[in-house]
Amino acid sequence: MRSPLSRQTQTELLPPGAVVLAMISITTGVSFARTLFPLIGSSATTVLRLGLASIILSIIMRIWRIRIPLRTLPAILPYGMSLGIMNLLFYMAISRIPLGVALAVEFMGPLALAVSFSRNKSDFLWTGLAVIGLFLLLPLRHDPHPVDPTGMLFALGAGVCWAIYILAGKKAGAAFGTYAPTLGMITGTLTILPFGITQFGSQLLHPHVIWDAVALAALSSAFPYSLEMYALRRLPTKTFSVLTSGEPAVGAIMGMFLLGEHLPLPDWLGIAAIVTASLGTTLMNRRKAI
């Protein structure tokens, strides 16, 4: 018979485990997105992904059963809009730069959010390390395959939206509970629809496109955002921010195995610096909290 302590420990591990599983799912889904970019473009791929994910979750959650009072709109609109724009900018980034690099640059948003919530002076040192990591990723060196600067800007913009998404997600989760991811994706789809609808064409009805889009919607939206909302409702904002510190490394590894993206040493060092900065922030704050 299991002790109450073991059950409590398992319960405490579920939210962090959900965040890790969400990271793996999102980075795996990128392989399906890359097959769609040449056919319908990154903007249309984003709209298709969020739109199909909205339909999947709406059916599962029976979204038609709930009512949305006007007074609750300020809780869901920032969450959904930041979700949609974040995904649009991120897909525009990975259409130009490697997955691991895009995730590392995008992660500057949550890292900056984590540091802003901290009162420890040591966090400024970790922030400096993160800036060094970003500098190593910038296309400043002579390289036969330099990183696209426009893609870097898209990734930075996605990072800003990611920070807003984390802050808004707490309020959306409190107001709508398990319905928040579905309502957020519907709002996000409507937000970016004007950017992607012009790229829709005859290729949209191809069976290969439909299958990849459904797999992408499940792996990169419906499943991971539900896991993230589960974690957001049970973890402090700062804890959630720093738990995702491994995502750039996960993305670089998945990009290497699934997409054949082999990064030069400076890029790996830059990713490692950003991951280390986040882990350092986490460990130092946990140590001072004990």
C-alpha atoms as a PDB file:
ATOM      1  CA  MET A   1       0.000   0.000   0.000  1.00  0.00           C
ATOM      2  CA  ARG A   2       1.439   3.342  -1.016  1.00  0.00           C
ATOM      3  CA  SER A   3       1.997   5.981   1.616  1.00  0.00           C
ATOM      4  CA  PRO A   4       0.295   9.416   1.480  1.00  0.00           C
ATOM      5  CA  LEU A   5       3.762  10.933   1.056  1.00  0.00           C
ATOM      6  CA  SER A   6       4.404   8.983  -2.142  1.00  0.00           C
ATOM      7  CA  ARG A   7       1.025  10.054  -3.530  1.00  0.00           C
ATOM      8  CA  GLN A   8       1.783  13.652  -2.599  1.00  0.00           C
ATOM      9  CA  THR A   9       5.167  13.434  -4.313  1.00  0.00           C
ATOM     10  CA  GLN A  10       3.564  12.071  -7.469  1.00  0.00           C
ATOM     11  CA  THR A  11       1.018  14.895  -7.415  1.00  0.00           C
ATOM     12  CA  GLU A  12       3.808  17.466  -7.084  1.00  0.00           C
ATOM     13  CA  LEU A  13       5.686  15.950 -10.035  1.00  0.00           C
ATOM     14  CA  LEU A  14       2.696  15.990 -12.384  1.00  0.00           C
ATOM     15  CA  PRO A  15       2.754  19.739 -13.284  1.00  0.00           C
ATOM     16  CA  PRO A  16       6.535  19.802 -14.062  1.00  0.00           C
ATOM     17  CA  GLY A  17       6.154  16.528 -15.973  1.00  0.00           C
ATOM     18  CA  ALA A  18       3.357  18.072 -18.018  1.00  0.00           C
ATOM     19  CA  VAL A  19       5.634  20.973 -19.002  1.00  0.00           C
ATOM     20  CA  VAL A  20       8.402  18.583 -20.141  1.00  0.00           C
ATOM     21  CA  LEU A  21       5.969  16.446 -22.143  1.00  0.00           C
ATOM     22  CA  ALA A  22       4.546  19.585 -23.763  1.00  0.00           C
ATOM     23  CA  MET A  23       8.054  20.651 -24.873  1.00  0.00           C
ATOM     24  CA  ILE A  24       8.733  17.267 -26.487  1.00  0.00           C
ATOM     25  CA  SER A  25       5.358  17.300 -28.228  1.00  0.00           C
ATOM     26  CA  ILE A  26       5.792  20.816 -29.626  1.00  0.00           C
ATOM     27  CA  THR A  27       9.293  20.199 -30.965  1.00  0.00           C
ATOM     28  CA  THR A  28       8.189  16.906 -32.537  1.00  0.00           C
ATOM     29  CA  GLY A  29       5.299  18.641 -34.272  1.00  0.00           C
ATOM     30  CA  VAL A  30       7.705  21.031 -36.006  1.00  0.00           C
ATOM     31  CA  SER A  31       8.768  18.191 -38.334  1.00  0.00           C
ATOM     32  CA  PHE A  32       5.221  18.141 -39.731  1.00  0.00           C
ATOM     33  CA  ALA A  33       5.169  21.941 -40.011  1.00  0.00           C
ATOM     34  CA  ARG A  34       8.342  21.932 -42.103  1.00  0.00           C
ATOM     35  CA  THR A  35       6.677  19.642 -44.689  1.00  0.00           C
ATOM     36  CA  LEU A  36       3.827  22.161 -45.060  1.00  0.00           C
ATOM     37  CA  PHE A  37       5.907  25.337 -45.442  1.00  0.00           C
ATOM     38  CA  PRO A  38       6.843  24.717 -49.121  1.00  0.00           C
ATOM     39  CA  LEU A  39       3.207  23.871 -49.966  1.00  0.00           C
ATOM     40  CA  ILE A  40       1.101  26.510 -48.207  1.00  0.00           C
ATOM     41  CA  GLY A  41       3.580  28.826 -46.446  1.00  0.00           C
ATOM     42  CA  SER A  42       4.322  29.453 -42.776  1.00  0.00           C
ATOM     43  CA  SER A  43       1.372  31.814 -42.140  1.00  0.00           C
ATOM     44  CA  ALA A  44      -1.233  29.453 -43.579  1.00  0.00           C
ATOM     45  CA  THR A  45       0.387  26.557 -41.719  1.00  0.00           C
ATOM     46  CA  THR A  46      -0.023  28.453 -38.446  1.00  0.00           C
ATOM     47  CA  VAL A  47      -3.686  29.229 -39.138  1.00  0.00           C
ATOM     48  CA  LEU A  48      -4.357  25.636 -40.157  1.00  0.00           C
ATOM     49  CA  ARG A  49      -2.605  24.307 -37.067  1.00  0.00           C
ATOM     50  CA  LEU A  50      -4.466  26.496 -34.579  1.00  0.00           C
ATOM     51  CA  GLY A  51      -7.761  26.183 -36.432  1.00  0.00           C
ATOM     52  CA  LEU A  52      -7.717  22.384 -36.484  1.00  0.00           C
ATOM     53  CA  ALA A  53      -6.540  22.274 -32.873  1.00  0.00           C
ATOM     54  CA  SER A  54      -9.451  24.531 -31.945  1.00  0.00           C
ATOM     55  CA  ILE A  55     -11.883  22.141 -33.616  1.00  0.00           C
ATOM     56  CA  ILE A  56     -10.313  19.095 -31.936  1.00  0.00           C
ATOM     57  CA  LEU A  57     -10.428  20.631 -28.475  1.00  0.00           C
ATOM     58  CA  SER A  58     -13.890  22.147 -29.008  1.00  0.00           C
ATOM     59  CA  ILE A  59     -15.301  18.692 -29.715  1.00  0.00           C
ATOM     60  CA  ILE A  60     -13.448  17.067 -26.825  1.00  0.00           C
ATOM     61  CA  MET A  61     -14.377  19.806 -24.334  1.00  0.00           C
ATOM     62  CA  ARG A  62     -17.901  20.383 -25.743  1.00  0.00           C
ATOM     63  CA  ILE A  63     -17.179  24.067 -25.771  1.00  0.00           C
ATOM     64  CA  TRP A  64     -20.774  24.905 -26.753  1.00  0.00           C
ATOM     65  CA  ARG A  65     -21.898  24.040 -23.219  1.00  0.00           C
ATOM     66  CA  ILE A  66     -20.324  27.099 -21.604  1.00  0.00           C
ATOM     67  CA  ARG A  67     -21.349  30.740 -21.649  1.00  0.00           C
ATOM     68  CA  ILE A  68     -18.843  33.565 -21.869  1.00  0.00           C
ATOM     69  CA  PRO A  69     -19.928  36.712 -19.999  1.00  0.00           C
ATOM     70  CA  LEU A  70     -18.623  39.959 -21.461  1.00  0.00           C
ATOM     71  CA  ARG A  71     -16.843  40.752 -18.195  1.00  0.00           C
ATOM     72  CA  THR A  72     -14.559  37.710 -18.716  1.00  0.00           C
ATOM     73  CA  LEU A  73     -13.330  38.773 -22.153  1.00  0.00           C
ATOM     74  CA  PRO A  74     -10.338  40.729 -20.728  1.00  0.00           C
ATOM     75  CA  ALA A  75      -9.130  37.410 -19.300  1.00  0.00           C
ATOM     76  CA  ILE A  76      -9.235  35.422 -22.541  1.00  0.00           C
ATOM     77  CA  LEU A  77      -8.453  38.006 -25.253  1.00  0.00           C
ATOM     78  CA  PRO A  78      -4.805  38.762 -24.262  1.00  0.00           C
ATOM     79  CA  TYR A  79      -4.164  35.055 -23.753  1.00  0.00           C
ATOM     80  CA  GLY A  80      -5.591  34.028 -27.124  1.00  0.00           C
ATOM     81  CA  MET A  81      -4.110  36.929 -29.085  1.00  0.00           C
ATOM     82  CA  SER A  82      -0.630  36.417 -27.648  1.00  0.00           C
ATOM     83  CA  LEU A  83      -0.927  32.679 -28.359  1.00  0.00           C
ATOM     84  CA  GLY A  84      -1.840  33.291 -32.003  1.00  0.00           C
ATOM     85  CA  ILE A  85       0.792  35.946 -32.711  1.00  0.00           C
ATOM     86  CA  MET A  86       3.461  33.945 -30.848  1.00  0.00           C
ATOM     87  CA  ASN A  87       2.832  30.921 -33.065  1.00  0.00           C
ATOM     88  CA  LEU A  88       2.746  33.001 -36.241  1.00  0.00           C
ATOM     89  CA  LEU A  89       6.069  34.697 -35.485  1.00  0.00           C
ATOM     90  CA  PHE A  90       7.674  31.435 -34.373  1.00  0.00           C
ATOM     91  CA  TYR A  91       6.704  29.623 -37.577  1.00  0.00           C
ATOM     92  CA  MET A  92       7.937  32.553 -39.636  1.00  0.00           C
ATOM     93  CA  ALA A  93      11.208  32.244 -37.677  1.00  0.00           C
ATOM     94  CA  ILE A  94      11.723  28.483 -38.154  1.00  0.00           C
ATOM     95  CA  SER A  95      11.049  28.862 -41.855  1.00  0.00           C
ATOM     96  CA  ARG A  96      14.293  30.885 -41.921  1.00  0.00           C
ATOM     97  CA  ILE A  97      16.488  29.655 -39.034  1.00  0.00           C
ATOM     98  CA  PRO A  98      17.148  26.272 -37.300  1.00  0.00           C
ATOM     99  CA  LEU A  99      14.671  25.090 -34.671  1.00  0.00           C
ATOM    100  CA  GLY A 100      17.146  25.075 -31.772  1.00  0.00           C
ATOM    101  CA  VAL A 101      18.318  28.615 -32.530  1.00  0.00           C
ATOM    102  CA  ALA A 102      14.739  29.889 -32.844  1.00  0.00           C
ATOM    103  CA  LEU A 103      13.759  28.351 -29.517  1.00  0.00           C
ATOM    104  CA  ALA A 104      16.839  29.741 -27.770  1.00  0.00           C
ATOM    105  CA  VAL A 105      16.155  33.271 -29.013  1.00  0.00           C
ATOM    106  CA  GLU A 106      12.423  32.969 -28.287  1.00  0.00           C
ATOM    107  CA  PHE A 107      13.202  31.774 -24.782  1.00  0.00           C
ATOM    108  CA  MET A 108      14.688  35.161 -23.912  1.00  0.00           C
ATOM    109  CA  GLY A 109      11.091  36.276 -23.314  1.00  0.00           C
ATOM    110  CA  PRO A 110      10.242  33.802 -20.501  1.00  0.00           C
ATOM    111  CA  LEU A 111      13.748  34.195 -19.071  1.00  0.00           C
ATOM    112  CA  ALA A 112      13.371  37.963 -18.871  1.00  0.00           C
ATOM    113  CA  LEU A 113       9.990  37.406 -17.219  1.00  0.00           C
ATOM    114  CA  ALA A 114      11.509  35.055 -14.657  1.00  0.00           C
ATOM    115  CA  VAL A 115      14.247  37.552 -13.789  1.00  0.00           C
ATOM    116  CA  SER A 116      11.727  40.395 -13.497  1.00  0.00           C
ATOM    117  CA  PHE A 117       9.903  38.441 -10.800  1.00  0.00           C
ATOM    118  CA  SER A 118      13.107  37.878  -8.866  1.00  0.00           C
ATOM    119  CA  ARG A 119      14.730  40.034  -6.207  1.00  0.00           C
ATOM    120  CA  ASN A 120      18.076  38.211  -6.194  1.00  0.00           C
ATOM    121  CA  LYS A 121      21.126  40.145  -7.362  1.00  0.00           C
ATOM    122  CA  SER A 122      22.688  36.940  -8.698  1.00  0.00           C
ATOM    123  CA  ASP A 123      19.993  36.796 -11.360  1.00  0.00           C
ATOM    124  CA  PHE A 124      21.632  39.719 -13.121  1.00  0.00           C
ATOM    125  CA  LEU A 125      24.737  37.556 -13.585  1.00  0.00           C
ATOM    126  CA  TRP A 126      22.609  34.816 -15.148  1.00  0.00           C
ATOM    127  CA  THR A 127      20.971  37.415 -17.352  1.00  0.00           C
ATOM    128  CA  GLY A 128      24.426  38.466 -18.535  1.00  0.00           C
ATOM    129  CA  LEU A 129      25.187  34.842 -19.425  1.00  0.00           C
ATOM    130  CA  ALA A 130      21.945  34.659 -21.391  1.00  0.00           C
ATOM    131  CA  VAL A 131      22.907  37.815 -23.290  1.00  0.00           C
ATOM    132  CA  ILE A 132      26.284  36.247 -24.131  1.00  0.00           C
ATOM    133  CA  GLY A 133      24.409  33.194 -25.398  1.00  0.00           C
ATOM    134  CA  LEU A 134      22.216  35.394 -27.566  1.00  0.00           C
ATOM    135  CA  PHE A 135      25.317  37.178 -28.894  1.00  0.00           C
ATOM    136  CA  LEU A 136      26.799  33.802 -29.941  1.00  0.00           C
ATOM    137  CA  LEU A 137      23.613  33.068 -31.891  1.00  0.00           C
ATOM    138  CA  LEU A 138      23.522  36.411 -33.690  1.00  0.00           C
ATOM    139  CA  PRO A 139      24.668  36.425 -37.347  1.00  0.00           C
ATOM    140  CA  LEU A 140      27.731  38.572 -36.627  1.00  0.00           C
ATOM    141  CA  ARG A 141      30.491  36.098 -37.427  1.00  0.00           C
ATOM    142  CA  HIS A 142      31.823  35.049 -40.827  1.00  0.00           C
ATOM    143  CA  ASP A 143      30.026  31.798 -41.558  1.00  0.00           C
ATOM    144  CA  PRO A 144      29.312  29.965 -44.841  1.00  0.00           C
ATOM    145  CA  HIS A 145      25.740  29.444 -43.510  1.00  0.00           C
ATOM    146  CA  PRO A 146      24.924  32.541 -41.425  1.00  0.00           C
ATOM    147  CA  VAL A 147      21.725  32.749 -39.388  1.00  0.00           C
ATOM    148  CA  ASP A 148      19.053  34.861 -41.086  1.00  0.00           C
ATOM    149  CA  PRO A 149      18.654  38.158 -39.147  1.00  0.00           C
ATOM    150  CA  THR A 150      14.968  38.472 -40.069  1.00  0.00           C
ATOM    151  CA  GLY A 151      14.340  35.026 -38.634  1.00  0.00           C
ATOM    152  CA  MET A 152      16.092  36.122 -35.436  1.00  0.00           C
ATOM    153  CA  LEU A 153      13.794  39.156 -35.154  1.00  0.00           C
ATOM    154  CA  PHE A 154      10.739  36.954 -35.654  1.00  0.00           C
ATOM    155  CA  ALA A 155      11.989  34.678 -32.863  1.00  0.00           C
ATOM    156  CA  LEU A 156      12.556  37.646 -30.539  1.00  0.00           C
ATOM    157  CA  GLY A 157       9.019  38.860 -31.245  1.00  0.00           C
ATOM    158  CA  ALA A 158       7.701  35.397 -30.463  1.00  0.00           C
ATOM    159  CA  GLY A 159       9.603  35.549 -27.163  1.00  0.00           C
ATOM    160  CA  VAL A 160       7.852  38.777 -26.181  1.00  0.00           C
ATOM    161  CA  CYS A 161       4.491  37.176 -26.970  1.00  0.00           C
ATOM    162  CA  TRP A 162       5.520  34.076 -24.989  1.00  0.00           C
ATOM    163  CA  ALA A 163       6.061  36.204 -21.868  1.00  0.00           C
ATOM    164  CA  ILE A 164       2.648  37.828 -22.348  1.00  0.00           C
ATOM    165  CA  TYR A 165       1.120  34.375 -22.899  1.00  0.00           C
ATOM    166  CA  ILE A 166       2.491  33.164 -19.540  1.00  0.00           C
ATOM    167  CA  LEU A 167       1.126  36.176 -17.656  1.00  0.00           C
ATOM    168  CA  ALA A 168      -2.238  36.108 -19.424  1.00  0.00           C
ATOM    169  CA  GLY A 169      -2.485  32.312 -19.072  1.00  0.00           C
ATOM    170  CA  LYS A 170      -2.754  32.578 -15.281  1.00  0.00           C
ATOM    171  CA  LYS A 171      -5.790  34.859 -15.552  1.00  0.00           C
ATOM    172  CA  ALA A 172      -7.382  32.832 -18.350  1.00  0.00           C
ATOM    173  CA  GLY A 173      -6.921  29.609 -16.421  1.00  0.00           C
ATOM    174  CA  ALA A 174      -8.462  31.129 -13.311  1.00  0.00           C
ATOM    175  CA  ALA A 175     -11.458  32.435 -15.280  1.00  0.00           C
ATOM    176  CA  PHE A 176     -12.147  29.487 -17.599  1.00  0.00           C
ATOM    177  CA  GLY A 177     -10.314  26.499 -16.116  1.00  0.00           C
ATOM    178  CA  THR A 178      -9.877  23.598 -18.558  1.00  0.00           C
ATOM    179  CA  TYR A 179     -11.776  25.506 -21.253  1.00  0.00           C
ATOM    180  CA  ALA A 180      -9.071  28.191 -21.475  1.00  0.00           C
ATOM    181  CA  PRO A 181      -6.821  26.453 -24.090  1.00  0.00           C
ATOM    182  CA  THR A 182      -9.777  25.890 -26.416  1.00  0.00           C
ATOM    183  CA  LEU A 183     -11.047  29.454 -26.124  1.00  0.00           C
ATOM    184  CA  GLY A 184      -7.497  30.743 -26.444  1.00  0.00           C
ATOM    185  CA  MET A 185      -6.856  28.829 -29.665  1.00  0.00           C
ATOM    186  CA  ILE A 186     -10.151  29.982 -31.163  1.00  0.00           C
ATOM    187  CA  THR A 187      -9.193  33.583 -30.331  1.00  0.00           C
ATOM    188  CA  GLY A 188      -5.656  33.035 -31.627  1.00  0.00           C
ATOM    189  CA  THR A 189      -6.913  31.564 -34.900  1.00  0.00           C
ATOM    190  CA  LEU A 190      -9.212  34.533 -35.517  1.00  0.00           C
ATOM    191  CA  THR A 191      -6.371  36.926 -34.657  1.00  0.00           C
ATOM    192  CA  ILE A 192      -3.941  35.580 -37.273  1.00  0.00           C
ATOM    193  CA  LEU A 193      -6.521  34.494 -39.866  1.00  0.00           C
ATOM    194  CA  PRO A 194      -5.988  37.635 -42.030  1.00  0.00           C
ATOM    195  CA  PHE A 195      -2.256  36.808 -42.296  1.00  0.00           C
ATOM    196  CA  GLY A 196      -2.737  33.227 -43.474  1.00  0.00           C
ATOM    197  CA  ILE A 197      -5.933  33.192 -45.491  1.00  0.00           C
ATOM    198  CA  THR A 198      -4.240  34.734 -48.544  1.00  0.00           C
ATOM    199  CA  GLN A 199      -1.907  31.699 -48.763  1.00  0.00           C
ATOM    200  CA  PHE A 200      -4.711  29.125 -48.908  1.00  0.00           C
ATOM    201  CA  GLY A 201      -4.980  27.436 -52.298  1.00  0.00           C
ATOM    202  CA  SER A 202      -5.699  24.153 -54.055  1.00  0.00           C
ATOM    203  CA  GLN A 203      -2.879  22.447 -52.132  1.00  0.00           C
ATOM    204  CA  LEU A 204      -4.955  22.809 -48.984  1.00  0.00           C
ATOM    205  CA  LEU A 205      -7.211  19.935 -50.036  1.00  0.00           C
ATOM    206  CA  HIS A 206      -4.379  17.509 -50.752  1.00  0.00           C
ATOM    207  CA  PRO A 207      -4.591  14.412 -48.465  1.00  0.00           C
ATOM    208  CA  HIS A 208      -0.913  14.766 -47.525  1.00  0.00           C
ATOM    209  CA  VAL A 209      -1.467  18.368 -46.418  1.00  0.00           C
ATOM    210  CA  ILE A 210      -4.578  17.482 -44.417  1.00  0.00           C
ATOM    211  CA  TRP A 211      -2.877  14.570 -42.635  1.00  0.00           C
ATOM    212  CA  ASP A 212       0.229  16.579 -41.734  1.00  0.00           C
ATOM    213  CA  ALA A 213      -1.932  19.490 -40.580  1.00  0.00           C
ATOM    214  CA  VAL A 214      -4.006  17.253 -38.277  1.00  0.00           C
ATOM    215  CA  ALA A 215      -0.844  15.678 -36.808  1.00  0.00           C
ATOM    216  CA  LEU A 216       0.662  19.144 -36.396  1.00  0.00           C
ATOM    217  CA  ALA A 217      -2.476  20.472 -34.683  1.00  0.00           C
ATOM    218  CA  ALA A 218      -2.525  17.577 -32.221  1.00  0.00           C
ATOM    219  CA  LEU A 219       1.216  17.519 -31.429  1.00  0.00           C
ATOM    220  CA  SER A 220       1.943  21.242 -31.433  1.00  0.00           C
ATOM    221  CA  SER A 221      -1.291  22.779 -30.165  1.00  0.00           C
ATOM    222  CA  ALA A 222      -4.134  20.693 -28.750  1.00  0.00           C
ATOM    223  CA  PHE A 223      -2.021  18.329 -26.638  1.00  0.00           C
ATOM    224  CA  PRO A 224       0.818  20.591 -25.384  1.00  0.00           C
ATOM    225  CA  TYR A 225      -1.322  23.678 -24.677  1.00  0.00           C
ATOM    226  CA  SER A 226      -3.698  21.566 -22.606  1.00  0.00           C
ATOM    227  CA  LEU A 227      -0.691  20.276 -20.665  1.00  0.00           C
ATOM    228  CA  GLU A 228       0.669  23.787 -20.239  1.00  0.00           C
ATOM    229  CA  MET A 229      -2.658  25.090 -18.952  1.00  0.00           C
ATOM    230  CA  TYR A 230      -2.747  22.208 -16.473  1.00  0.00           C
ATOM    231  CA  ALA A 231       0.719  23.235 -15.275  1.00  0.00           C
ATOM    232  CA  LEU A 232       0.012  26.991 -15.304  1.00  0.00           C
ATOM    233  CA  ARG A 233      -2.959  26.519 -12.970  1.00  0.00           C
ATOM    234  CA  ARG A 234      -0.794  24.617 -10.458  1.00  0.00           C
ATOM    235  CA  LEU A 235       2.608  26.327 -10.656  1.00  0.00           C
ATOM    236  CA  PRO A 236       3.775  29.870  -9.826  1.00  0.00           C
ATOM    237  CA  THR A 237       4.414  32.043 -12.885  1.00  0.00           C
ATOM    238  CA  LYS A 238       8.146  32.192 -12.235  1.00  0.00           C
ATOM    239  CA  THR A 239       8.412  28.426 -11.754  1.00  0.00           C
ATOM    240  CA  PHE A 240       6.619  27.760 -15.028  1.00  0.00           C
ATOM    241  CA  SER A 241       8.912  30.211 -16.832  1.00  0.00           C
ATOM    242  CA  VAL A 242      12.127  28.586 -15.676  1.00  0.00           C
ATOM    243  CA  LEU A 243      10.876  25.005 -16.045  1.00  0.00           C
ATOM    244  CA  THR A 244      10.867  25.533 -19.783  1.00  0.00           C
ATOM    245  CA  SER A 245      14.594  26.277 -19.721  1.00  0.00           C
ATOM    246  CA  GLY A 246      15.426  23.015 -21.440  1.00  0.00           C
ATOM    247  CA  GLU A 247      13.279  23.691 -24.489  1.00  0.00           C
ATOM    248  CA  PRO A 248      16.058  25.246 -26.633  1.00  0.00           C
ATOM    249  CA  ALA A 249      18.235  22.185 -26.034  1.00  0.00           C
ATOM    250  CA  VAL A 250      15.312  19.840 -26.703  1.00  0.00           C
ATOM    251  CA  GLY A 251      14.584  21.745 -29.905  1.00  0.00           C
ATOM    252  CA  ALA A 252      18.206  21.582 -31.074  1.00  0.00           C
ATOM    253  CA  ILE A 253      18.353  17.834 -30.438  1.00  0.00           C
ATOM    254  CA  MET A 254      14.986  17.160 -32.095  1.00  0.00           C
ATOM    255  CA  GLY A 255      15.982  19.395 -35.001  1.00  0.00           C
ATOM    256  CA  MET A 256      19.161  17.377 -35.469  1.00  0.00           C
ATOM    257  CA  PHE A 257      17.428  13.986 -35.417  1.00  0.00           C
ATOM    258  CA  LEU A 258      14.129  14.826 -37.141  1.00  0.00           C
ATOM    259  CA  LEU A 259      15.108  17.667 -39.470  1.00  0.00           C
ATOM    260  CA  GLY A 260      18.826  17.041 -40.070  1.00  0.00           C
ATOM    261  CA  GLU A 261      19.797  20.460 -38.685  1.00  0.00           C
ATOM    262  CA  HIS A 262      23.464  20.300 -37.687  1.00  0.00           C
ATOM    263  CA  LEU A 263      24.452  23.446 -35.822  1.00  0.00           C
ATOM    264  CA  PRO A 264      28.001  24.862 -35.670  1.00  0.00           C
ATOM    265  CA  LEU A 265      29.787  24.932 -32.316  1.00  0.00           C
ATOM    266  CA  PRO A 266      29.083  28.641 -31.540  1.00  0.00           C
ATOM    267  CA  ASP A 267      25.336  28.001 -31.870  1.00  0.00           C
ATOM    268  CA  TRP A 268      25.517  25.044 -29.469  1.00  0.00           C
ATOM    269  CA  LEU A 269      27.504  27.201 -27.039  1.00  0.00           C
ATOM    270  CA  GLY A 270      24.910  29.964 -27.318  1.00  0.00           C
ATOM    271  CA  ILE A 271      22.051  27.549 -26.651  1.00  0.00           C
ATOM    272  CA  ALA A 272      23.959  26.035 -23.719  1.00  0.00           C
ATOM    273  CA  ALA A 273      24.575  29.493 -22.236  1.00  0.00           C
ATOM    274  CA  ILE A 274      20.878  30.402 -22.361  1.00  0.00           C
ATOM    275  CA  VAL A 275      19.835  27.056 -20.867  1.00  0.00           C
ATOM    276  CA  THR A 276      22.485  27.381 -18.130  1.00  0.00           C
ATOM    277  CA  ALA A 277      21.334  30.904 -17.334  1.00  0.00           C
ATOM    278  CA  SER A 278      17.787  29.702 -16.831  1.00  0.00           C
ATOM    279  CA  LEU A 279      18.816  26.708 -14.756  1.00  0.00           C
ATOM    280  CA  GLY A 280      21.069  28.931 -12.660  1.00  0.00           C
ATOM    281  CA  THR A 281      18.201  31.312 -11.986  1.00  0.00           C
ATOM    282  CA  THR A 282      16.017  28.388 -10.932  1.00  0.00           C
ATOM    283  CA  LEU A 283      18.546  26.764  -8.606  1.00  0.00           C
ATOM    284  CA  MET A 284      19.695  29.977  -6.941  1.00  0.00           C
ATOM    285  CA  ASN A 285      16.151  31.109  -6.206  1.00  0.00           C
ATOM    286  CA  ARG A 286      15.168  27.697  -4.897  1.00  0.00           C
ATOM    287  CA  ARG A 287      18.228  27.638  -2.648  1.00  0.00           C
ATOM    288  CA  LYS A 288      17.457  31.071  -1.219  1.00  0.00           C
ATOM    289  CA  ALA A 289      13.817  30.099  -0.682  1.00  0.00           C
ATOM    290  CA  ILE A 290      14.827  27.136   1.531  1.00  0.00           C
END
